[in-house]
Amino acid sequence: MRTFETKIQELKTSVLTEVARLTWEDRTQTGILDIPEKIIPGPESSLRCCIYKERAIIGSRVKMAMGGDKTNPCVVEVLPIACDECPVTEMTVSASCRGCLATRCVHACPKDAITIVNHRAHIDHQKCITCGKCLNACQYSAIVKTQRPCEKGCPAGAISMGPNKKASIDINKCISCGNCVYQCPFGAIQDKSWIMDAIQMIRGGEHWGYKTYAVIAPSIAGQFAPATYGQLVAGLKLLGFSGVAEVALGADMVAERESDELVERGVLTSSCCPGFVGYVKKKHPELDKYVSHTPSPMVMIGLHLKEKDPDAKVIFIGPCVAKKKEFQLGRTMNAIDCVLTYEELFALFESRDIDLTKLDEAELDEASPFGRNFARSGGVAQAVVQALQEKNSDFEVKAVPCSGIAQCEMALLKLKVGKLEGNFIEGMACDGGCVQGAGCLVRSPRNRMDVEKHAKEAEGRTILGATAAAGQAPAKAAGKSEGGAEKA
């Protein structure tokens, strides 16, 4: 039995597993309503005030496992019934307040929200605008800013407290990175799942005769330990997939094409991370012209498979919630038919009682080490440099790898004012890259080491060699890029 990182992840996976099991068995209409009581049997509550609230929250999670609110364009949603335990006032006076004579906090407040009561500062939260001036003024650091974890964790500033004191997501700012899903300590924000669609595609292939392919991101290395990579591939085939492909091979195709694009355009930002691309489009639309026209590795491997078999169904499996948004927006050029996270894949294995550690290994070895290293910060830039070297190009790449939106913002601001000391921004919305994506089963510093170990297993293979072996000519693919611009 797996030891989960948090109780929230355990509950989320339990719901996904039950929904998946009912879908395999064609019992969703009759069995869905039984899930809350099955997961929260009672009679005593263990998480909330009573089992009835716990079951109601599980009911909301079931809805998210079935695709969530169809009228809400966000791929992450707030579960209002679960969002009620966080502090709602940001500026508070701690026990460190000495009631000093200077009362700098009182004089610093632009809204007269602070008064001295019984020799202690008191904040009127009806007047307070949380500007923080009192916090900076207090010499005892007695005023503390307490921010909700979801707000604090949102790199795009898309989350605020709504009128009902619940978390509220601004669709015009949200980049679907999923960090709020991971950060919320009550699991009150969750990403929508299309696990039922994936199962129907697999079952449909068995009935109608088309092939279904699982394309797995390189960050999957180590996520299902102690099962090996080969056992994971065998497990996917046991689930009913006709074949399995490496998204890292798609990354090799991206590096091959993006290197040419960088030489042609002179200054470029990567387009692999949909969270980063979304951030550019929403926060710095004037810089969208710099975003690479090359599709993401997910799209490239999908195009490769559908070039061989146009009727195939391709399901992407990765660590990224933003990939669901990339798919939802139609940026996948019909190359991808469904997106799942590692959490959802784990639920699929559980729903079919598949023990990966007991399976014989199946081989999957297509990509170069550079394609596999796309999963960690710095990997994309390294691959672009390698591709140019393999082409004997004398173009000098001055890469600016950005791990997390904060670093991306700094680089984009420098690009905007012409102060960027480089010509290629590698943008990763998640700190550390895809190895720390919100859909990972485990978020750990070890993830990077697992990916690098996986990459070393492909040493000796070149980017051009990997793409040539696949029989792929990336430059021939046409349509709209992930950045949304038309390609020549």
Protein backbone atom coordinates (compact mmCIF):
# COMPACT_ATOMS: atom_id res chain seq x y z
CA MET A 1 0.00 0.00 0.00
CA ARG A 2 1.36 3.42 -0.96
CA THR A 3 2.29 5.94 1.72
CA PHE A 4 0.92 9.27 0.50
CA GLU A 5 2.60 12.61 1.01
CA THR A 6 -0.55 14.09 2.59
CA LYS A 7 -4.00 12.99 3.72
CA ILE A 8 -5.44 15.22 1.00
CA GLN A 9 -3.64 13.26 -1.71
CA GLU A 10 -4.87 10.01 -0.16
CA LEU A 11 -8.50 11.19 -0.22
CA LYS A 12 -8.20 12.58 -3.74
CA THR A 13 -6.71 9.33 -5.04
CA SER A 14 -9.34 7.25 -3.24
CA VAL A 15 -12.10 9.20 -5.00
CA LEU A 16 -10.40 8.93 -8.39
CA THR A 17 -9.93 5.19 -7.87
CA GLU A 18 -13.59 4.62 -7.01
CA VAL A 19 -14.81 6.69 -9.97
CA ALA A 20 -12.42 4.82 -12.27
CA ARG A 21 -13.52 1.43 -10.95
CA LEU A 22 -17.19 2.26 -11.54
CA THR A 23 -16.38 3.49 -15.05
CA TRP A 24 -14.57 0.26 -15.96
CA GLU A 25 -17.58 -1.68 -14.67
CA ASP A 26 -20.27 0.54 -16.29
CA ARG A 27 -21.76 1.30 -12.88
CA THR A 28 -21.35 5.07 -12.59
CA GLN A 29 -25.08 5.79 -12.69
CA THR A 30 -25.86 3.37 -9.87
CA GLY A 31 -22.69 3.59 -7.79
CA ILE A 32 -21.56 7.23 -7.72
CA LEU A 33 -23.78 8.20 -4.80
CA ASP A 34 -22.31 5.41 -2.66
CA ILE A 35 -18.71 6.71 -2.86
CA PRO A 36 -18.87 9.27 0.01
CA GLU A 37 -20.17 6.70 2.48
CA LYS A 38 -17.67 4.10 1.27
CA ILE A 39 -14.70 6.43 1.81
CA ILE A 40 -16.09 7.98 5.03
CA PRO A 41 -17.86 5.02 6.71
CA GLY A 42 -18.19 6.65 10.14
CA PRO A 43 -19.69 6.58 12.66
CA GLU A 44 -17.14 9.04 14.08
CA SER A 45 -15.64 11.90 12.10
CA SER A 46 -11.87 12.04 11.76
CA LEU A 47 -11.21 15.13 9.66
CA ARG A 48 -14.02 17.64 10.07
CA CYS A 49 -16.76 18.52 12.52
CA CYS A 50 -18.97 15.59 11.52
CA ILE A 51 -19.12 12.73 9.03
CA TYR A 52 -21.89 14.50 7.11
CA LYS A 53 -19.62 17.40 6.20
CA GLU A 54 -16.80 14.99 5.39
CA ARG A 55 -19.10 13.06 3.05
CA ALA A 56 -20.37 16.27 1.46
CA ILE A 57 -16.77 17.25 0.68
CA ILE A 58 -16.13 13.81 -0.80
CA GLY A 59 -19.22 14.40 -2.96
CA SER A 60 -17.60 17.59 -4.29
CA ARG A 61 -14.42 15.65 -5.02
CA VAL A 62 -16.45 13.06 -6.91
CA LYS A 63 -17.83 15.84 -9.10
CA MET A 64 -14.30 17.04 -9.85
CA ALA A 65 -13.26 13.46 -10.69
CA MET A 66 -16.08 13.45 -13.21
CA GLY A 67 -14.96 16.64 -14.93
CA GLY A 68 -16.13 19.34 -12.53
CA ASP A 69 -18.34 22.31 -13.40
CA LYS A 70 -18.71 22.30 -17.18
CA THR A 71 -19.59 26.02 -17.16
CA ASN A 72 -16.37 26.98 -15.36
CA PRO A 73 -13.48 27.42 -17.84
CA CYS A 74 -10.83 26.98 -15.11
CA VAL A 75 -9.20 23.56 -14.89
CA VAL A 76 -8.86 24.12 -11.15
CA GLU A 77 -11.87 24.85 -8.98
CA VAL A 78 -12.53 25.86 -5.41
CA LEU A 79 -14.64 23.42 -3.40
CA PRO A 80 -16.60 25.96 -1.31
CA ILE A 81 -17.70 23.44 1.31
CA ALA A 82 -14.07 22.54 2.02
CA CYS A 83 -12.82 26.14 2.09
CA ASP A 84 -13.64 27.42 5.57
CA GLU A 85 -10.72 26.96 7.92
CA CYS A 86 -8.16 29.55 6.81
CA PRO A 87 -7.65 32.91 8.53
CA VAL A 88 -9.57 35.67 6.81
CA THR A 89 -7.70 38.66 8.24
CA GLU A 90 -4.21 39.23 6.96
CA MET A 91 -2.77 41.80 9.38
CA THR A 92 -2.77 40.73 13.04
CA VAL A 93 -1.10 41.99 16.22
CA SER A 94 0.95 39.34 17.99
CA ALA A 95 1.88 38.97 21.68
CA SER A 96 5.13 40.82 20.94
CA CYS A 97 3.33 44.18 21.00
CA ARG A 98 4.75 46.30 23.84
CA GLY A 99 2.34 49.22 23.59
CA CYS A 100 5.24 51.57 22.95
CA LEU A 101 4.96 55.34 23.19
CA ALA A 102 6.12 55.94 19.64
CA THR A 103 3.09 54.12 18.12
CA ARG A 104 4.71 54.21 14.70
CA CYS A 105 2.15 51.68 13.46
CA VAL A 106 -0.68 54.12 14.23
CA HIS A 107 0.99 56.95 12.35
CA ALA A 108 1.96 54.75 9.40
CA CYS A 109 -1.57 53.52 8.71
CA PRO A 110 -3.14 55.51 5.82
CA LYS A 111 -6.68 54.45 6.80
CA ASP A 112 -6.61 55.13 10.56
CA ALA A 113 -7.28 51.44 11.11
CA ILE A 114 -4.98 51.13 14.15
CA THR A 115 -5.74 52.33 17.66
CA ILE A 116 -4.16 51.63 21.05
CA VAL A 117 -6.45 49.71 23.40
CA ASN A 118 -5.22 48.74 26.88
CA HIS A 119 -1.63 49.54 25.87
CA ARG A 120 -1.76 47.28 22.81
CA ALA A 121 -2.25 48.01 19.12
CA HIS A 122 -5.63 47.03 17.77
CA ILE A 123 -6.45 46.71 14.04
CA ASP A 124 -9.93 47.48 12.71
CA HIS A 125 -10.23 45.00 9.86
CA GLN A 126 -13.17 46.87 8.39
CA LYS A 127 -10.79 49.73 7.61
CA CYS A 128 -7.56 47.80 7.01
CA ILE A 129 -6.46 47.51 3.37
CA THR A 130 -3.53 45.18 4.20
CA CYS A 131 -1.01 47.59 2.69
CA GLY A 132 1.66 46.41 5.16
CA LYS A 133 2.89 49.85 6.18
CA CYS A 134 2.24 49.10 9.86
CA LEU A 135 4.19 45.87 9.55
CA ASN A 136 7.24 47.74 8.29
CA ALA A 137 6.86 50.48 10.89
CA CYS A 138 6.75 48.27 13.99
CA GLN A 139 10.20 48.02 15.60
CA TYR A 140 9.23 44.90 17.54
CA SER A 141 7.95 43.00 14.48
CA ALA A 142 4.75 42.61 16.47
CA ILE A 143 2.46 42.92 13.46
CA VAL A 144 2.23 39.81 11.34
CA LYS A 145 0.84 39.34 7.88
CA THR A 146 -1.02 36.03 7.72
CA GLN A 147 -1.83 35.07 4.16
CA ARG A 148 -3.87 32.12 2.98
CA PRO A 149 -1.61 29.34 1.64
CA CYS A 150 -3.43 29.31 -1.71
CA GLU A 151 -2.97 33.06 -2.15
CA LYS A 152 0.63 32.92 -1.04
CA GLY A 153 1.33 29.95 -3.31
CA CYS A 154 -0.27 31.39 -6.45
CA PRO A 155 2.59 32.77 -8.58
CA ALA A 156 0.20 34.66 -10.86
CA GLY A 157 -1.73 36.41 -8.09
CA ALA A 158 -4.98 34.86 -9.33
CA ILE A 159 -6.44 33.90 -5.93
CA SER A 160 -8.15 36.22 -3.50
CA MET A 161 -10.80 36.03 -0.81
CA GLY A 162 -14.29 36.24 -2.30
CA PRO A 163 -17.28 38.04 -0.76
CA ASN A 164 -18.26 34.84 1.08
CA LYS A 165 -14.74 34.60 2.55
CA LYS A 166 -14.01 31.57 0.35
CA ALA A 167 -11.08 31.44 -2.04
CA SER A 168 -11.86 32.88 -5.46
CA ILE A 169 -9.90 32.26 -8.68
CA ASP A 170 -9.59 35.01 -11.28
CA ILE A 171 -9.74 33.25 -14.67
CA ASN A 172 -8.12 36.28 -16.30
CA LYS A 173 -4.97 35.77 -14.20
CA CYS A 174 -4.93 32.01 -13.58
CA ILE A 175 -2.23 30.14 -15.53
CA SER A 176 -3.45 26.69 -14.41
CA CYS A 177 -0.10 25.77 -12.87
CA GLY A 178 -1.89 23.89 -10.09
CA ASN A 179 0.33 25.19 -7.31
CA CYS A 180 -2.74 26.21 -5.32
CA VAL A 181 -3.97 22.60 -5.49
CA TYR A 182 -0.77 21.46 -3.83
CA GLN A 183 -0.53 24.34 -1.35
CA CYS A 184 -4.07 24.30 0.10
CA PRO A 185 -3.80 22.43 3.43
CA PHE A 186 -7.49 21.54 3.37
CA GLY A 187 -7.66 20.31 -0.21
CA ALA A 188 -10.27 22.95 -1.00
CA ILE A 189 -8.86 23.52 -4.50
CA GLN A 190 -8.67 20.66 -6.95
CA ASP A 191 -7.94 20.10 -10.62
CA LYS A 192 -10.64 18.67 -12.84
CA SER A 193 -10.14 15.12 -14.01
CA TRP A 194 -10.91 13.48 -17.33
CA ILE A 195 -10.11 10.00 -16.05
CA MET A 196 -13.52 8.74 -17.19
CA ASP A 197 -12.83 9.96 -20.73
CA ALA A 198 -9.48 8.14 -20.72
CA ILE A 199 -11.12 4.88 -19.67
CA GLN A 200 -13.78 5.22 -22.34
CA MET A 201 -11.08 5.79 -24.97
CA ILE A 202 -9.24 2.65 -23.88
CA ARG A 203 -12.42 0.59 -23.85
CA GLY A 204 -13.55 2.13 -27.15
CA GLY A 205 -10.33 1.04 -28.79
CA GLU A 206 -11.00 -2.54 -27.73
CA HIS A 207 -14.52 -2.33 -29.16
CA TRP A 208 -14.03 -0.24 -32.31
CA GLY A 209 -10.55 -1.35 -33.28
CA TYR A 210 -8.61 1.90 -33.08
CA LYS A 211 -5.32 2.07 -31.16
CA THR A 212 -4.79 3.99 -27.94
CA TYR A 213 -1.35 5.26 -27.00
CA ALA A 214 -0.06 6.40 -23.62
CA VAL A 215 2.63 9.06 -23.97
CA ILE A 216 4.55 9.46 -20.71
CA ALA A 217 6.53 12.52 -19.66
CA PRO A 218 10.18 11.99 -18.62
CA SER A 219 9.48 13.21 -15.07
CA ILE A 220 7.68 9.92 -14.46
CA ALA A 221 11.05 8.37 -13.60
CA GLY A 222 10.92 7.29 -9.95
CA GLN A 223 7.32 8.36 -9.39
CA PHE A 224 6.04 4.80 -9.07
CA ALA A 225 8.99 3.39 -7.10
CA PRO A 226 9.75 0.71 -6.11
CA ALA A 227 8.35 -0.31 -9.51
CA THR A 228 10.86 0.14 -12.32
CA TYR A 229 10.36 2.16 -15.48
CA GLY A 230 9.96 -1.07 -17.46
CA GLN A 231 7.33 -2.38 -15.06
CA LEU A 232 5.44 0.90 -15.41
CA VAL A 233 5.40 0.48 -19.19
CA ALA A 234 4.15 -3.09 -18.77
CA GLY A 235 1.42 -1.81 -16.45
CA LEU A 236 0.21 0.68 -19.04
CA LYS A 237 -0.14 -2.09 -21.59
CA LEU A 238 -1.99 -4.20 -19.04
CA LEU A 239 -4.43 -1.32 -18.60
CA GLY A 240 -5.34 -1.73 -22.27
CA PHE A 241 -3.10 0.75 -24.09
CA SER A 242 -2.04 -0.44 -27.54
CA GLY A 243 1.36 1.19 -27.16
CA VAL A 244 3.47 3.51 -25.04
CA ALA A 245 5.73 6.33 -26.25
CA GLU A 246 8.20 8.71 -24.61
CA VAL A 247 7.30 12.38 -24.54
CA ALA A 248 11.07 12.82 -24.28
CA LEU A 249 11.26 11.82 -27.95
CA GLY A 250 8.88 14.70 -28.64
CA ALA A 251 11.30 16.87 -26.64
CA ASP A 252 14.11 15.83 -28.98
CA MET A 253 11.92 16.93 -31.89
CA VAL A 254 11.28 20.25 -30.14
CA ALA A 255 14.99 20.85 -29.55
CA GLU A 256 15.75 20.08 -33.20
CA ARG A 257 13.21 22.59 -34.46
CA GLU A 258 13.50 25.21 -31.73
CA SER A 259 17.25 25.49 -32.28
CA ASP A 260 16.61 26.50 -35.89
CA GLU A 261 13.93 28.94 -34.79
CA LEU A 262 16.29 30.58 -32.30
CA VAL A 263 18.92 31.12 -35.02
CA GLU A 264 16.29 32.55 -37.35
CA ARG A 265 14.65 34.91 -34.84
CA GLY A 266 17.66 35.84 -32.69
CA VAL A 267 15.73 36.09 -29.39
CA LEU A 268 13.28 33.46 -28.19
CA THR A 269 11.45 32.08 -25.19
CA SER A 270 10.59 28.41 -24.87
CA SER A 271 7.03 27.16 -25.42
CA CYS A 272 7.23 23.80 -23.64
CA CYS A 273 5.57 24.89 -20.39
CA PRO A 274 1.90 25.92 -20.86
CA GLY A 275 1.94 27.63 -17.46
CA PHE A 276 4.77 29.90 -18.60
CA VAL A 277 3.14 30.52 -21.99
CA GLY A 278 -0.12 31.39 -20.26
CA TYR A 279 1.70 33.77 -17.95
CA VAL A 280 3.30 35.60 -20.88
CA LYS A 281 -0.04 35.90 -22.66
CA LYS A 282 -1.89 37.21 -19.61
CA LYS A 283 0.75 39.27 -17.79
CA HIS A 284 2.99 40.40 -20.67
CA PRO A 285 0.98 40.08 -23.92
CA GLU A 286 3.38 42.46 -25.68
CA LEU A 287 6.10 39.79 -25.27
CA ASP A 288 4.04 37.03 -26.86
CA LYS A 289 5.90 37.67 -30.11
CA TYR A 290 9.02 36.16 -28.54
CA VAL A 291 7.34 32.85 -27.59
CA SER A 292 8.56 29.97 -29.74
CA HIS A 293 6.19 28.77 -32.46
CA THR A 294 7.40 25.23 -31.89
CA PRO A 295 4.71 23.06 -30.24
CA SER A 296 5.34 21.44 -26.87
CA PRO A 297 6.92 17.96 -26.59
CA MET A 298 3.48 16.56 -25.74
CA VAL A 299 2.10 17.84 -29.04
CA MET A 300 5.14 16.79 -31.05
CA ILE A 301 4.96 13.17 -29.93
CA GLY A 302 1.20 13.19 -30.55
CA LEU A 303 1.70 14.51 -34.07
CA HIS A 304 4.34 11.85 -34.65
CA LEU A 305 1.97 9.04 -33.60
CA LYS A 306 -1.00 10.39 -35.54
CA GLU A 307 1.08 10.84 -38.66
CA LYS A 308 1.50 7.07 -38.59
CA ASP A 309 -2.07 6.35 -37.44
CA PRO A 310 -4.56 9.24 -37.85
CA ASP A 311 -7.35 7.28 -36.12
CA ALA A 312 -5.34 6.61 -32.97
CA LYS A 313 -6.20 8.08 -29.58
CA VAL A 314 -3.27 9.61 -27.69
CA ILE A 315 -3.42 10.13 -23.92
CA PHE A 316 -0.74 12.27 -22.31
CA ILE A 317 0.37 11.29 -18.79
CA GLY A 318 2.49 13.81 -16.92
CA PRO A 319 3.01 15.90 -13.78
CA CYS A 320 1.30 19.00 -15.11
CA VAL A 321 -2.12 20.48 -14.39
CA ALA A 322 -1.48 23.23 -16.97
CA LYS A 323 -1.31 20.56 -19.70
CA LYS A 324 -5.03 20.08 -19.12
CA LYS A 325 -5.51 23.76 -19.96
CA GLU A 326 -3.28 23.45 -23.02
CA PHE A 327 -5.54 20.64 -24.20
CA GLN A 328 -8.73 22.48 -23.24
CA LEU A 329 -7.69 25.55 -25.26
CA GLY A 330 -7.13 23.44 -28.37
CA ARG A 331 -3.40 24.18 -28.57
CA THR A 332 -2.63 20.50 -29.06
CA MET A 333 -3.52 20.63 -32.78
CA ASN A 334 -5.71 17.50 -32.40
CA ALA A 335 -2.57 15.53 -31.54
CA ILE A 336 -3.71 14.78 -27.96
CA ASP A 337 -7.10 13.36 -26.97
CA CYS A 338 -6.86 13.38 -23.17
CA VAL A 339 -4.53 14.53 -20.38
CA LEU A 340 -3.92 12.73 -17.09
CA THR A 341 -1.57 13.34 -14.15
CA TYR A 342 0.52 10.78 -12.29
CA GLU A 343 -2.04 10.87 -9.48
CA GLU A 344 -4.73 9.84 -11.94
CA LEU A 345 -2.56 7.13 -13.45
CA PHE A 346 -2.00 5.71 -9.97
CA ALA A 347 -5.78 5.62 -9.50
CA LEU A 348 -6.15 3.76 -12.81
CA PHE A 349 -3.72 1.07 -11.66
CA GLU A 350 -5.52 0.83 -8.31
CA SER A 351 -8.92 0.54 -9.99
CA ARG A 352 -7.71 -2.52 -11.91
CA ASP A 353 -5.80 -4.00 -8.95
CA ILE A 354 -2.51 -3.87 -10.88
CA ASP A 355 0.61 -4.38 -8.77
CA LEU A 356 3.41 -2.95 -10.90
CA THR A 357 6.15 -4.58 -8.84
CA LYS A 358 4.96 -8.04 -9.89
CA LEU A 359 5.09 -7.40 -13.64
CA ASP A 360 7.82 -8.33 -16.08
CA GLU A 361 9.52 -5.30 -17.57
CA ALA A 362 8.59 -4.00 -21.01
CA GLU A 363 11.10 -2.02 -23.06
CA LEU A 364 10.71 1.65 -23.94
CA ASP A 365 13.91 3.37 -25.03
CA GLU A 366 13.49 5.97 -27.79
CA ALA A 367 14.72 9.36 -26.64
CA SER A 368 18.10 10.98 -26.14
CA PRO A 369 19.35 11.97 -22.67
CA PHE A 370 18.77 15.60 -23.65
CA GLY A 371 15.09 14.97 -24.39
CA ARG A 372 14.66 13.22 -21.06
CA ASN A 373 16.30 16.10 -19.21
CA PHE A 374 13.61 18.49 -20.47
CA ALA A 375 11.84 17.57 -17.22
CA ARG A 376 14.20 19.56 -15.00
CA SER A 377 15.15 23.22 -14.99
CA GLY A 378 17.92 23.95 -17.48
CA GLY A 379 17.20 20.89 -19.60
CA VAL A 380 15.48 22.67 -22.48
CA ALA A 381 18.30 25.17 -22.91
CA GLN A 382 20.86 22.39 -22.72
CA ALA A 383 19.05 20.47 -25.46
CA VAL A 384 18.84 23.51 -27.75
CA VAL A 385 22.58 24.08 -27.37
CA GLN A 386 23.23 20.39 -28.08
CA ALA A 387 21.04 20.43 -31.20
CA LEU A 388 22.99 23.36 -32.64
CA GLN A 389 26.26 21.63 -31.88
CA GLU A 390 25.09 18.52 -33.70
CA LYS A 391 24.25 20.73 -36.70
CA ASN A 392 27.73 22.32 -36.54
CA SER A 393 26.15 25.74 -36.07
CA ASP A 394 28.33 28.57 -34.78
CA PHE A 395 25.33 30.40 -33.26
CA GLU A 396 26.03 31.27 -29.61
CA VAL A 397 23.14 30.46 -27.28
CA LYS A 398 23.00 32.67 -24.21
CA ALA A 399 20.43 30.79 -22.19
CA VAL A 400 18.48 32.20 -19.25
CA PRO A 401 16.95 29.20 -17.44
CA CYS A 402 14.07 30.31 -15.19
CA SER A 403 12.88 27.99 -12.42
CA GLY A 404 9.49 29.20 -11.24
CA ILE A 405 7.35 32.19 -12.19
CA ALA A 406 9.30 34.62 -9.99
CA GLN A 407 12.45 34.04 -12.04
CA CYS A 408 10.42 34.08 -15.26
CA GLU A 409 8.97 37.47 -14.32
CA MET A 410 12.42 38.91 -13.73
CA ALA A 411 13.70 37.69 -17.09
CA LEU A 412 10.61 38.91 -18.93
CA LEU A 413 10.90 42.37 -17.38
CA LYS A 414 14.53 42.56 -18.49
CA LEU A 415 13.52 41.44 -21.98
CA LYS A 416 10.84 44.12 -22.07
CA VAL A 417 13.30 46.93 -21.32
CA GLY A 418 16.12 45.51 -23.41
CA LYS A 419 18.31 44.55 -20.44
CA LEU A 420 18.19 40.76 -20.80
CA GLU A 421 21.69 39.29 -20.80
CA GLY A 422 20.78 36.41 -23.05
CA ASN A 423 18.84 35.39 -26.15
CA PHE A 424 16.88 32.32 -24.99
CA ILE A 425 14.55 32.29 -21.98
CA GLU A 426 13.71 28.82 -20.74
CA GLY A 427 10.48 29.38 -18.82
CA MET A 428 9.28 26.84 -16.23
CA ALA A 429 6.24 27.71 -14.11
CA CYS A 430 7.10 25.14 -11.43
CA ASP A 431 10.16 25.61 -9.23
CA GLY A 432 12.69 23.07 -10.41
CA GLY A 433 10.76 22.34 -13.60
CA CYS A 434 8.34 19.53 -14.41
CA VAL A 435 9.98 17.32 -11.78
CA GLN A 436 8.03 19.31 -9.18
CA GLY A 437 4.73 19.54 -11.04
CA ALA A 438 1.45 19.71 -9.11
CA GLY A 439 0.30 16.35 -10.51
CA CYS A 440 3.30 14.41 -9.20
CA LEU A 441 2.79 11.57 -6.77
CA VAL A 442 5.89 12.68 -4.89
CA ARG A 443 7.42 16.17 -4.81
CA SER A 444 10.98 15.81 -3.64
CA PRO A 445 14.51 17.00 -4.50
CA ARG A 446 15.13 13.36 -5.41
CA ASN A 447 12.86 13.75 -8.45
CA ARG A 448 15.55 15.64 -10.33
CA MET A 449 18.09 12.92 -9.55
CA ASP A 450 15.68 10.23 -10.76
CA VAL A 451 15.23 12.05 -14.07
CA GLU A 452 18.97 12.59 -14.53
CA LYS A 453 19.58 8.90 -13.81
CA HIS A 454 16.93 8.01 -16.40
CA ALA A 455 18.64 10.36 -18.87
CA LYS A 456 22.04 8.74 -18.32
CA GLU A 457 20.57 5.40 -19.40
CA ALA A 458 20.28 6.90 -22.90
CA GLU A 459 23.86 8.21 -23.04
CA GLY A 460 25.45 8.00 -26.46
CA ARG A 461 22.24 8.79 -28.30
CA THR A 462 22.06 12.18 -30.00
CA ILE A 463 19.05 14.42 -30.57
CA LEU A 464 19.28 14.17 -34.35
CA GLY A 465 19.90 10.45 -34.06
CA ALA A 466 16.75 9.95 -31.95
CA THR A 467 14.56 11.97 -34.31
CA ALA A 468 16.01 10.26 -37.37
CA ALA A 469 15.42 6.82 -35.85
CA ALA A 470 11.80 7.80 -35.33
CA GLY A 471 11.52 8.74 -38.99
CA GLN A 472 10.31 12.19 -37.98
CA ALA A 473 10.84 15.39 -39.91
CA PRO A 474 9.61 17.94 -37.34
CA ALA A 475 9.80 20.89 -39.69
CA LYS A 476 6.95 19.44 -41.78
CA ALA A 477 4.38 19.61 -39.00
CA ALA A 478 1.96 22.48 -39.61
CA GLY A 479 -0.77 24.32 -37.78
CA LYS A 480 -0.89 26.50 -34.71
CA SER A 481 1.79 26.42 -32.12
CA GLU A 482 1.36 26.26 -28.38
CA GLY A 483 2.14 29.94 -28.37
CA GLY A 484 -0.90 30.39 -30.62
CA ALA A 485 0.93 31.85 -33.62
CA GLU A 486 0.74 30.40 -37.11
CA LYS A 487 3.85 28.66 -38.32
CA ALA A 488 5.19 29.03 -41.81
